[in-house]
């Protein structure tokens, strides 16, 4: 019974239920969580005896275990674990970005151990390429303003005329 994992469940007619995963369900869930590219079928094969099963049966049972096993508890735990992994990855990404930006800032300000004019300019350039915020671009990003106010019909007519000229037709021909 030590291998079974229990969590508090919902209420059914006033009595608490506990959702329990069997050792095989736990192994299936663990395989799903630990591998980023595992299929449900492969996770099922790693946790259950599948020697005499067809691929279709394995696929069907894997789907059932994942979505319906322990009253949906397996899918719920998987989603929670994936959210935790995503949060952790975002946290690591943010820490790395902060470290890089702080180093570039120090270098740009001439506080690096062996800083020189060239490295300061390069640090400033890299800092300028960093995004200014969502939808804002960066300091050195090319920005193109479109002042053309022609309608799509006017543009279509002009393009058709140009194509006719290029293809040797008369500009006044109607396609």
N, C-alpha and C. Protein backbone atom coordinates (compact mmCIF):
# COMPACT_ATOMS: atom_id res chain seq x y z
N UNK A 1 0.82 -1.19 0.00
CA UNK A 1 0.00 0.00 0.00
C UNK A 1 0.87 1.26 0.00
N UNK A 2 2.17 1.12 0.29
CA UNK A 2 3.06 2.29 0.33
C UNK A 2 3.27 2.87 -1.05
N UNK A 3 3.11 2.06 -2.11
CA UNK A 3 3.30 2.55 -3.46
C UNK A 3 2.10 3.33 -3.98
N UNK A 4 0.97 3.24 -3.31
CA UNK A 4 -0.21 3.95 -3.77
C UNK A 4 -0.14 5.41 -3.35
N UNK A 5 -0.54 6.28 -4.25
CA UNK A 5 -0.51 7.70 -3.96
C UNK A 5 -1.94 8.18 -3.81
N UNK A 6 -2.23 8.84 -2.72
CA UNK A 6 -3.58 9.28 -2.43
C UNK A 6 -3.62 10.80 -2.35
N UNK A 7 -4.71 11.36 -2.84
CA UNK A 7 -4.94 12.78 -2.62
C UNK A 7 -6.39 12.94 -2.23
N UNK A 8 -6.71 14.08 -1.63
CA UNK A 8 -8.09 14.33 -1.24
C UNK A 8 -8.95 14.46 -2.48
N UNK A 9 -10.09 13.83 -2.44
CA UNK A 9 -11.01 13.89 -3.56
C UNK A 9 -12.20 14.74 -3.22
N UNK A 10 -13.21 14.67 -4.09
CA UNK A 10 -14.42 15.42 -3.87
C UNK A 10 -15.31 14.70 -2.88
N UNK A 11 -16.49 15.23 -2.65
CA UNK A 11 -17.42 14.62 -1.70
C UNK A 11 -18.49 13.87 -2.46
N UNK A 12 -18.84 12.73 -1.95
CA UNK A 12 -19.90 11.92 -2.54
C UNK A 12 -20.83 11.52 -1.41
N UNK A 13 -22.01 12.11 -1.40
CA UNK A 13 -23.01 11.85 -0.37
C UNK A 13 -22.44 12.08 1.03
N UNK A 14 -21.65 13.15 1.17
CA UNK A 14 -21.16 13.53 2.48
C UNK A 14 -19.91 12.80 2.94
N UNK A 15 -19.44 11.83 2.19
CA UNK A 15 -18.24 11.09 2.59
C UNK A 15 -17.07 11.50 1.71
N UNK A 16 -15.89 11.66 2.32
CA UNK A 16 -14.69 11.99 1.55
C UNK A 16 -14.23 10.76 0.79
N UNK A 17 -13.79 11.01 -0.43
CA UNK A 17 -13.21 9.95 -1.25
C UNK A 17 -11.74 10.28 -1.43
N UNK A 18 -10.92 9.31 -1.55
CA UNK A 18 -9.52 9.51 -1.87
C UNK A 18 -9.28 8.94 -3.26
N UNK A 19 -8.56 9.70 -4.07
CA UNK A 19 -8.22 9.22 -5.40
C UNK A 19 -6.87 8.52 -5.30
N UNK A 20 -6.86 7.28 -5.69
CA UNK A 20 -5.66 6.46 -5.54
C UNK A 20 -5.14 6.07 -6.92
N UNK A 21 -3.84 6.16 -7.08
CA UNK A 21 -3.21 5.65 -8.29
C UNK A 21 -2.54 4.33 -7.95
N UNK A 22 -2.74 3.36 -8.82
CA UNK A 22 -2.06 2.09 -8.64
C UNK A 22 -0.60 2.27 -9.02
N UNK A 23 0.24 1.33 -8.66
CA UNK A 23 1.66 1.44 -9.06
C UNK A 23 1.82 1.55 -10.59
N UNK A 24 1.00 0.85 -11.36
CA UNK A 24 1.09 0.93 -12.82
C UNK A 24 0.64 2.30 -13.32
N UNK A 25 -0.44 2.83 -12.75
CA UNK A 25 -0.88 4.16 -13.14
C UNK A 25 0.18 5.20 -12.80
N UNK A 26 0.80 5.04 -11.63
CA UNK A 26 1.86 5.96 -11.22
C UNK A 26 3.05 5.86 -12.17
N UNK A 27 3.43 4.66 -12.60
CA UNK A 27 4.54 4.48 -13.54
C UNK A 27 4.19 5.10 -14.89
N UNK A 28 2.94 4.94 -15.32
CA UNK A 28 2.47 5.53 -16.57
C UNK A 28 2.58 7.06 -16.48
N UNK A 29 2.08 7.63 -15.41
CA UNK A 29 2.13 9.08 -15.21
C UNK A 29 3.57 9.57 -15.14
N UNK A 30 4.42 8.87 -14.42
CA UNK A 30 5.82 9.26 -14.29
C UNK A 30 6.50 9.28 -15.66
N UNK A 31 6.21 8.25 -16.49
CA UNK A 31 6.79 8.20 -17.83
C UNK A 31 6.34 9.40 -18.66
N UNK A 32 5.08 9.77 -18.54
CA UNK A 32 4.55 10.92 -19.28
C UNK A 32 5.23 12.22 -18.84
N UNK A 33 5.44 12.37 -17.56
CA UNK A 33 6.00 13.61 -17.02
C UNK A 33 7.49 13.72 -17.31
N UNK A 34 8.21 12.62 -17.20
CA UNK A 34 9.66 12.66 -17.30
C UNK A 34 10.18 12.78 -18.72
N UNK A 35 9.37 12.46 -19.72
CA UNK A 35 9.82 12.54 -21.10
C UNK A 35 9.02 13.61 -21.84
N UNK A 36 9.73 14.48 -22.54
CA UNK A 36 9.05 15.54 -23.27
C UNK A 36 8.43 15.07 -24.58
N UNK A 37 8.89 13.94 -25.09
CA UNK A 37 8.41 13.51 -26.40
C UNK A 37 7.83 12.10 -26.42
N UNK A 38 7.37 11.63 -25.29
CA UNK A 38 6.80 10.29 -25.22
C UNK A 38 5.33 10.32 -25.65
N UNK A 39 4.90 9.26 -26.30
CA UNK A 39 3.49 9.15 -26.66
C UNK A 39 2.74 8.45 -25.54
N UNK A 40 1.42 8.57 -25.54
CA UNK A 40 0.61 7.85 -24.56
C UNK A 40 0.87 6.35 -24.68
N UNK A 41 0.96 5.86 -25.91
CA UNK A 41 1.18 4.42 -26.12
C UNK A 41 2.52 3.97 -25.55
N UNK A 42 3.57 4.77 -25.76
CA UNK A 42 4.88 4.40 -25.22
C UNK A 42 4.89 4.43 -23.69
N UNK A 43 4.21 5.40 -23.12
CA UNK A 43 4.11 5.46 -21.66
C UNK A 43 3.34 4.24 -21.14
N UNK A 44 2.30 3.86 -21.86
CA UNK A 44 1.52 2.68 -21.46
C UNK A 44 2.39 1.43 -21.54
N UNK A 45 3.17 1.31 -22.63
CA UNK A 45 4.06 0.15 -22.79
C UNK A 45 5.09 0.08 -21.65
N UNK A 46 5.54 1.25 -21.18
CA UNK A 46 6.56 1.25 -20.12
C UNK A 46 5.98 0.85 -18.76
N UNK A 47 4.67 0.98 -18.59
CA UNK A 47 4.07 0.72 -17.27
C UNK A 47 3.25 -0.57 -17.20
N UNK A 48 2.76 -1.02 -18.33
CA UNK A 48 1.86 -2.18 -18.35
C UNK A 48 2.45 -3.30 -19.20
N UNK A 49 1.94 -4.49 -18.98
CA UNK A 49 2.35 -5.65 -19.77
C UNK A 49 1.57 -5.61 -21.09
N UNK A 50 2.27 -5.45 -22.20
CA UNK A 50 1.61 -5.26 -23.49
C UNK A 50 2.07 -6.25 -24.55
N UNK A 51 2.76 -7.29 -24.14
CA UNK A 51 3.37 -8.22 -25.07
C UNK A 51 2.37 -8.78 -26.09
N UNK A 52 1.19 -9.15 -25.66
CA UNK A 52 0.22 -9.78 -26.54
C UNK A 52 -0.84 -8.81 -27.05
N UNK A 53 -0.63 -7.52 -26.92
CA UNK A 53 -1.62 -6.53 -27.36
C UNK A 53 -1.26 -5.95 -28.72
N UNK A 54 -2.27 -5.64 -29.49
CA UNK A 54 -2.04 -4.95 -30.77
C UNK A 54 -1.77 -3.48 -30.49
N UNK A 55 -1.20 -2.81 -31.47
CA UNK A 55 -0.93 -1.38 -31.33
C UNK A 55 -2.21 -0.59 -31.11
N UNK A 56 -3.28 -0.99 -31.79
CA UNK A 56 -4.56 -0.30 -31.64
C UNK A 56 -5.10 -0.44 -30.21
N UNK A 57 -4.97 -1.63 -29.65
CA UNK A 57 -5.43 -1.86 -28.28
C UNK A 57 -4.60 -1.05 -27.29
N UNK A 58 -3.29 -1.04 -27.50
CA UNK A 58 -2.41 -0.26 -26.63
C UNK A 58 -2.78 1.21 -26.70
N UNK A 59 -2.98 1.70 -27.90
CA UNK A 59 -3.35 3.10 -28.07
C UNK A 59 -4.67 3.41 -27.36
N UNK A 60 -5.64 2.56 -27.54
CA UNK A 60 -6.95 2.76 -26.92
C UNK A 60 -6.87 2.73 -25.39
N UNK A 61 -6.17 1.77 -24.87
CA UNK A 61 -6.04 1.65 -23.41
C UNK A 61 -5.22 2.79 -22.82
N UNK A 62 -4.20 3.21 -23.54
CA UNK A 62 -3.38 4.33 -23.06
C UNK A 62 -4.24 5.59 -22.98
N UNK A 63 -5.07 5.80 -23.97
CA UNK A 63 -5.96 6.95 -23.97
C UNK A 63 -6.92 6.88 -22.78
N UNK A 64 -7.49 5.71 -22.55
CA UNK A 64 -8.42 5.52 -21.43
C UNK A 64 -7.74 5.76 -20.09
N UNK A 65 -6.55 5.21 -19.91
CA UNK A 65 -5.84 5.38 -18.65
C UNK A 65 -5.54 6.86 -18.42
N UNK A 66 -5.07 7.53 -19.46
CA UNK A 66 -4.69 8.93 -19.29
C UNK A 66 -5.91 9.81 -18.98
N UNK A 67 -6.97 9.64 -19.75
CA UNK A 67 -8.11 10.55 -19.62
C UNK A 67 -9.14 10.12 -18.57
N UNK A 68 -9.22 8.82 -18.31
CA UNK A 68 -10.26 8.36 -17.40
C UNK A 68 -9.71 7.65 -16.16
N UNK A 69 -8.43 7.33 -16.16
CA UNK A 69 -7.84 6.62 -15.04
C UNK A 69 -7.94 7.39 -13.74
N UNK A 70 -8.33 6.70 -12.70
CA UNK A 70 -8.50 7.30 -11.36
C UNK A 70 -9.43 8.51 -11.43
N UNK A 71 -10.50 8.36 -12.19
CA UNK A 71 -11.51 9.42 -12.34
C UNK A 71 -10.92 10.73 -12.84
N UNK A 72 -10.02 10.64 -13.80
CA UNK A 72 -9.42 11.84 -14.38
C UNK A 72 -8.23 12.37 -13.63
N UNK A 73 -7.85 11.70 -12.57
CA UNK A 73 -6.75 12.17 -11.73
C UNK A 73 -5.41 12.15 -12.47
N UNK A 74 -5.20 11.17 -13.35
CA UNK A 74 -3.93 11.07 -14.07
C UNK A 74 -3.75 12.28 -14.98
N UNK A 75 -4.78 12.60 -15.75
CA UNK A 75 -4.70 13.77 -16.64
C UNK A 75 -4.51 15.05 -15.83
N UNK A 76 -5.22 15.16 -14.72
CA UNK A 76 -5.11 16.37 -13.89
C UNK A 76 -3.70 16.51 -13.32
N UNK A 77 -3.14 15.43 -12.83
CA UNK A 77 -1.77 15.49 -12.28
C UNK A 77 -0.76 15.79 -13.38
N UNK A 78 -0.99 15.23 -14.56
CA UNK A 78 -0.09 15.49 -15.69
C UNK A 78 -0.12 16.98 -16.04
N UNK A 79 -1.30 17.55 -16.15
CA UNK A 79 -1.43 18.97 -16.48
C UNK A 79 -0.75 19.84 -15.41
N UNK A 80 -0.93 19.49 -14.16
CA UNK A 80 -0.29 20.25 -13.08
C UNK A 80 1.23 20.14 -13.16
N UNK A 81 1.73 18.95 -13.44
CA UNK A 81 3.18 18.77 -13.55
C UNK A 81 3.75 19.53 -14.74
N UNK A 82 3.04 19.54 -15.86
CA UNK A 82 3.51 20.27 -17.04
C UNK A 82 3.49 21.78 -16.78
N UNK A 83 2.49 22.26 -16.07
CA UNK A 83 2.45 23.69 -15.72
C UNK A 83 3.64 24.04 -14.83
N UNK A 84 3.96 23.16 -13.91
CA UNK A 84 5.10 23.39 -13.02
C UNK A 84 6.41 23.40 -13.82
N UNK A 85 6.55 22.48 -14.78
CA UNK A 85 7.75 22.43 -15.62
C UNK A 85 7.87 23.71 -16.46
N UNK A 86 6.76 24.18 -17.02
CA UNK A 86 6.78 25.42 -17.82
C UNK A 86 7.17 26.60 -16.95
N UNK A 87 6.61 26.69 -15.76
CA UNK A 87 6.94 27.78 -14.85
C UNK A 87 8.42 27.76 -14.50
N UNK A 88 8.95 26.58 -14.25
CA UNK A 88 10.37 26.44 -13.91
C UNK A 88 11.24 26.87 -15.10
N UNK A 89 10.88 26.45 -16.30
CA UNK A 89 11.64 26.82 -17.49
C UNK A 89 11.61 28.34 -17.71
N UNK A 90 10.45 28.95 -17.50
CA UNK A 90 10.34 30.40 -17.65
C UNK A 90 11.19 31.12 -16.60
N UNK A 91 11.19 30.59 -15.39
CA UNK A 91 11.99 31.19 -14.32
C UNK A 91 13.48 31.12 -14.68
N UNK A 92 13.93 29.96 -15.18
CA UNK A 92 15.34 29.83 -15.57
C UNK A 92 15.69 30.77 -16.71
N UNK A 93 14.79 30.88 -17.69
CA UNK A 93 15.01 31.77 -18.81
C UNK A 93 15.15 33.21 -18.33
N UNK A 94 14.27 33.63 -17.44
CA UNK A 94 14.31 34.98 -16.91
C UNK A 94 15.60 35.24 -16.12
N UNK A 95 16.04 34.25 -15.35
CA UNK A 95 17.30 34.41 -14.60
C UNK A 95 18.48 34.57 -15.53
N UNK A 96 18.52 33.74 -16.61
CA UNK A 96 19.62 33.84 -17.57
C UNK A 96 19.61 35.20 -18.26
N UNK A 97 18.43 35.64 -18.66
CA UNK A 97 18.32 36.93 -19.33
C UNK A 97 18.79 38.06 -18.41
N UNK A 98 18.38 38.02 -17.16
CA UNK A 98 18.83 39.03 -16.19
C UNK A 98 20.35 39.02 -16.06
N UNK A 99 20.95 37.83 -15.98
CA UNK A 99 22.39 37.70 -15.85
C UNK A 99 23.10 38.31 -17.06
N UNK A 100 22.60 38.00 -18.25
CA UNK A 100 23.20 38.51 -19.48
C UNK A 100 23.08 40.04 -19.55
N UNK A 101 21.89 40.53 -19.26
CA UNK A 101 21.67 41.98 -19.34
C UNK A 101 22.51 42.73 -18.31
N UNK A 102 22.63 42.18 -17.12
CA UNK A 102 23.47 42.82 -16.10
C UNK A 102 24.92 42.85 -16.53
N UNK A 103 25.39 41.76 -17.14
CA UNK A 103 26.77 41.72 -17.64
C UNK A 103 27.00 42.73 -18.76
N UNK A 104 26.04 42.82 -19.67
CA UNK A 104 26.16 43.80 -20.75
C UNK A 104 26.13 45.22 -20.20
N UNK A 105 25.28 45.45 -19.22
CA UNK A 105 25.19 46.77 -18.60
C UNK A 105 26.53 47.16 -17.96
N UNK A 106 27.11 46.21 -17.21
CA UNK A 106 28.42 46.48 -16.58
C UNK A 106 29.48 46.78 -17.64
N UNK A 107 29.48 45.97 -18.70
CA UNK A 107 30.46 46.17 -19.77
C UNK A 107 30.25 47.53 -20.45
N UNK A 108 29.00 47.87 -20.73
CA UNK A 108 28.70 49.15 -21.39
C UNK A 108 29.13 50.33 -20.54
N UNK A 109 29.09 50.17 -19.23
CA UNK A 109 29.48 51.25 -18.32
C UNK A 109 30.97 51.22 -18.01
N UNK A 110 31.71 50.30 -18.63
CA UNK A 110 33.15 50.25 -18.45
C UNK A 110 33.58 49.58 -17.16
N UNK A 111 32.70 48.79 -16.56
CA UNK A 111 33.02 48.13 -15.29
C UNK A 111 33.54 46.71 -15.47
N UNK A 112 33.69 46.26 -16.71
CA UNK A 112 34.21 44.92 -16.95
C UNK A 112 35.67 44.83 -16.60
N UNK A 113 36.18 43.63 -16.38
CA UNK A 113 37.57 43.42 -15.97
C UNK A 113 38.55 43.94 -17.01
N UNK A 114 38.31 43.68 -18.28
CA UNK A 114 39.23 44.14 -19.32
C UNK A 114 38.46 44.90 -20.40
N UNK A 115 37.63 45.82 -19.98
CA UNK A 115 36.78 46.57 -20.89
C UNK A 115 37.60 47.53 -21.75
N UNK A 116 37.13 47.74 -22.97
CA UNK A 116 37.75 48.71 -23.86
C UNK A 116 36.64 49.37 -24.66
N UNK A 117 36.99 50.35 -25.45
CA UNK A 117 35.97 51.11 -26.19
C UNK A 117 35.16 50.21 -27.11
N UNK A 118 35.83 49.30 -27.76
CA UNK A 118 35.15 48.39 -28.69
C UNK A 118 34.13 47.51 -27.97
N UNK A 119 34.51 46.97 -26.83
CA UNK A 119 33.59 46.10 -26.09
C UNK A 119 32.44 46.89 -25.49
N UNK A 120 32.69 48.14 -25.10
CA UNK A 120 31.61 48.99 -24.59
C UNK A 120 30.58 49.29 -25.68
N UNK A 121 31.07 49.62 -26.89
CA UNK A 121 30.16 49.90 -28.01
C UNK A 121 29.37 48.64 -28.36
N UNK A 122 30.03 47.49 -28.39
CA UNK A 122 29.33 46.23 -28.71
C UNK A 122 28.29 45.91 -27.64
N UNK A 123 28.60 46.13 -26.37
CA UNK A 123 27.63 45.89 -25.30
C UNK A 123 26.43 46.82 -25.45
N UNK A 124 26.68 48.07 -25.80
CA UNK A 124 25.57 49.01 -26.03
C UNK A 124 24.72 48.57 -27.22
N UNK A 125 25.37 48.09 -28.27
CA UNK A 125 24.64 47.62 -29.44
C UNK A 125 23.74 46.44 -29.07
N UNK A 126 24.28 45.49 -28.33
CA UNK A 126 23.49 44.32 -27.93
C UNK A 126 22.35 44.72 -27.00
N UNK A 127 22.60 45.64 -26.10
CA UNK A 127 21.52 46.13 -25.23
C UNK A 127 20.43 46.80 -26.07
N UNK A 128 20.83 47.50 -27.11
CA UNK A 128 19.87 48.16 -27.98
C UNK A 128 19.02 47.19 -28.77
N UNK A 129 19.54 45.99 -29.00
CA UNK A 129 18.78 44.99 -29.75
C UNK A 129 17.79 44.22 -28.89
N UNK A 130 17.89 44.39 -27.59
CA UNK A 130 16.98 43.71 -26.68
C UNK A 130 15.59 44.33 -26.84
N UNK A 131 14.58 43.50 -26.78
CA UNK A 131 13.20 43.97 -26.93
C UNK A 131 12.86 45.02 -25.90
N UNK A 132 12.14 46.04 -26.34
CA UNK A 132 11.71 47.11 -25.44
C UNK A 132 10.46 46.73 -24.66
N UNK A 133 9.82 45.70 -25.04
CA UNK A 133 8.58 45.27 -24.39
C UNK A 133 7.67 44.64 -25.42
N UNK A 134 6.61 44.07 -24.97
CA UNK A 134 5.70 43.36 -25.85
C UNK A 134 5.15 44.29 -26.92
N UNK A 135 5.40 43.93 -28.18
CA UNK A 135 4.89 44.70 -29.29
C UNK A 135 5.65 45.99 -29.58
N UNK A 136 6.72 46.24 -28.86
CA UNK A 136 7.45 47.50 -29.00
C UNK A 136 8.68 47.39 -29.89
N UNK A 137 9.13 46.19 -30.20
CA UNK A 137 10.34 46.04 -30.99
C UNK A 137 11.57 46.32 -30.16
N UNK A 138 12.65 46.75 -30.82
CA UNK A 138 13.88 47.09 -30.11
C UNK A 138 14.36 48.45 -30.59
N UNK A 139 15.38 48.97 -29.91
CA UNK A 139 15.90 50.30 -30.24
C UNK A 139 16.41 50.33 -31.68
N UNK A 140 17.11 49.28 -32.12
CA UNK A 140 17.73 49.28 -33.44
C UNK A 140 16.92 48.54 -34.50
N UNK A 141 15.69 48.25 -34.24
CA UNK A 141 14.86 47.54 -35.20
C UNK A 141 14.40 48.50 -36.30
N UNK A 142 14.43 48.02 -37.54
CA UNK A 142 13.95 48.84 -38.65
C UNK A 142 12.44 49.01 -38.53
N UNK A 143 12.02 50.24 -38.72
CA UNK A 143 10.59 50.53 -38.70
C UNK A 143 10.22 51.16 -40.03
N UNK A 144 9.19 50.62 -40.65
CA UNK A 144 8.76 51.11 -41.95
C UNK A 144 7.37 51.68 -41.81
N UNK A 145 7.21 52.92 -42.20
CA UNK A 145 5.90 53.57 -42.14
C UNK A 145 5.28 53.52 -43.53
N UNK A 146 4.03 53.17 -43.60
CA UNK A 146 3.31 53.11 -44.86
C UNK A 146 2.36 54.29 -44.94
N UNK A 147 2.63 55.19 -45.89
CA UNK A 147 1.79 56.36 -46.05
C UNK A 147 0.82 56.21 -47.21
N UNK A 148 0.91 55.09 -47.93
CA UNK A 148 0.05 54.85 -49.09
C UNK A 148 -1.40 54.66 -48.63
N UNK A 149 -2.27 55.49 -49.13
CA UNK A 149 -3.67 55.45 -48.72
C UNK A 149 -4.59 54.89 -49.80
N UNK A 150 -4.02 54.23 -50.82
CA UNK A 150 -4.84 53.69 -51.90
C UNK A 150 -5.68 52.52 -51.41
N UNK A 151 -6.82 52.35 -52.04
CA UNK A 151 -7.69 51.23 -51.68
C UNK A 151 -7.14 49.94 -52.29
N UNK A 152 -7.62 48.83 -51.81
CA UNK A 152 -7.18 47.54 -52.35
C UNK A 152 -7.60 47.39 -53.80
N UNK A 153 -8.75 47.96 -54.19
CA UNK A 153 -9.18 47.90 -55.59
C UNK A 153 -8.23 48.69 -56.48
N UNK A 154 -7.80 49.88 -56.03
CA UNK A 154 -6.86 50.69 -56.81
C UNK A 154 -5.53 49.94 -56.97
N UNK A 155 -5.06 49.31 -55.91
CA UNK A 155 -3.81 48.55 -55.98
C UNK A 155 -3.95 47.36 -56.93
N UNK A 156 -5.08 46.69 -56.90
CA UNK A 156 -5.33 45.55 -57.78
C UNK A 156 -5.28 45.99 -59.24
N UNK A 157 -5.94 47.09 -59.57
CA UNK A 157 -5.96 47.61 -60.95
C UNK A 157 -4.55 47.95 -61.39
N UNK A 158 -3.80 48.63 -60.54
CA UNK A 158 -2.43 48.99 -60.89
C UNK A 158 -1.56 47.76 -61.12
N UNK A 159 -1.69 46.75 -60.25
CA UNK A 159 -0.91 45.52 -60.41
C UNK A 159 -1.28 44.79 -61.69
N UNK A 160 -2.56 44.74 -62.00
CA UNK A 160 -2.99 44.09 -63.24
C UNK A 160 -2.40 44.79 -64.46
N UNK A 161 -2.40 46.12 -64.46
CA UNK A 161 -1.83 46.88 -65.57
C UNK A 161 -0.34 46.60 -65.71
N UNK A 162 0.36 46.59 -64.61
CA UNK A 162 1.81 46.32 -64.66
C UNK A 162 2.08 44.91 -65.17
N UNK A 163 1.30 43.94 -64.72
CA UNK A 163 1.48 42.56 -65.17
C UNK A 163 1.22 42.44 -66.67
N UNK A 164 0.19 43.10 -67.16
CA UNK A 164 -0.10 43.05 -68.60
C UNK A 164 1.06 43.63 -69.41
N UNK A 165 1.61 44.77 -68.94
CA UNK A 165 2.75 45.37 -69.64
C UNK A 165 3.94 44.43 -69.65
N UNK A 166 4.20 43.79 -68.50
CA UNK A 166 5.33 42.85 -68.40
C UNK A 166 5.14 41.63 -69.28
N UNK A 167 3.92 41.20 -69.42
CA UNK A 167 3.64 40.01 -70.20
C UNK A 167 3.39 40.33 -71.68
N UNK A 168 3.51 41.61 -72.05
CA UNK A 168 3.41 41.99 -73.45
C UNK A 168 2.00 42.34 -73.90
N UNK A 169 1.09 42.40 -73.02
CA UNK A 169 -0.27 42.76 -73.41
C UNK A 169 -0.47 44.24 -73.37
N UNK A 170 -1.56 44.69 -73.88
CA UNK A 170 -1.90 46.11 -73.86
C UNK A 170 -2.39 46.50 -72.48
N UNK A 171 -1.98 47.66 -71.94
CA UNK A 171 -2.41 48.07 -70.60
C UNK A 171 -3.92 48.29 -70.50
N UNK A 172 -4.58 48.46 -71.65
CA UNK A 172 -6.01 48.71 -71.61
C UNK A 172 -6.85 47.44 -71.75
N UNK A 173 -6.18 46.30 -71.99
CA UNK A 173 -6.93 45.04 -72.12
C UNK A 173 -7.55 44.67 -70.80
N UNK A 174 -8.76 44.17 -70.86
CA UNK A 174 -9.41 43.70 -69.66
C UNK A 174 -9.25 42.19 -69.61
N UNK A 175 -8.79 41.67 -68.45
CA UNK A 175 -8.43 40.27 -68.27
C UNK A 175 -9.54 39.36 -68.38
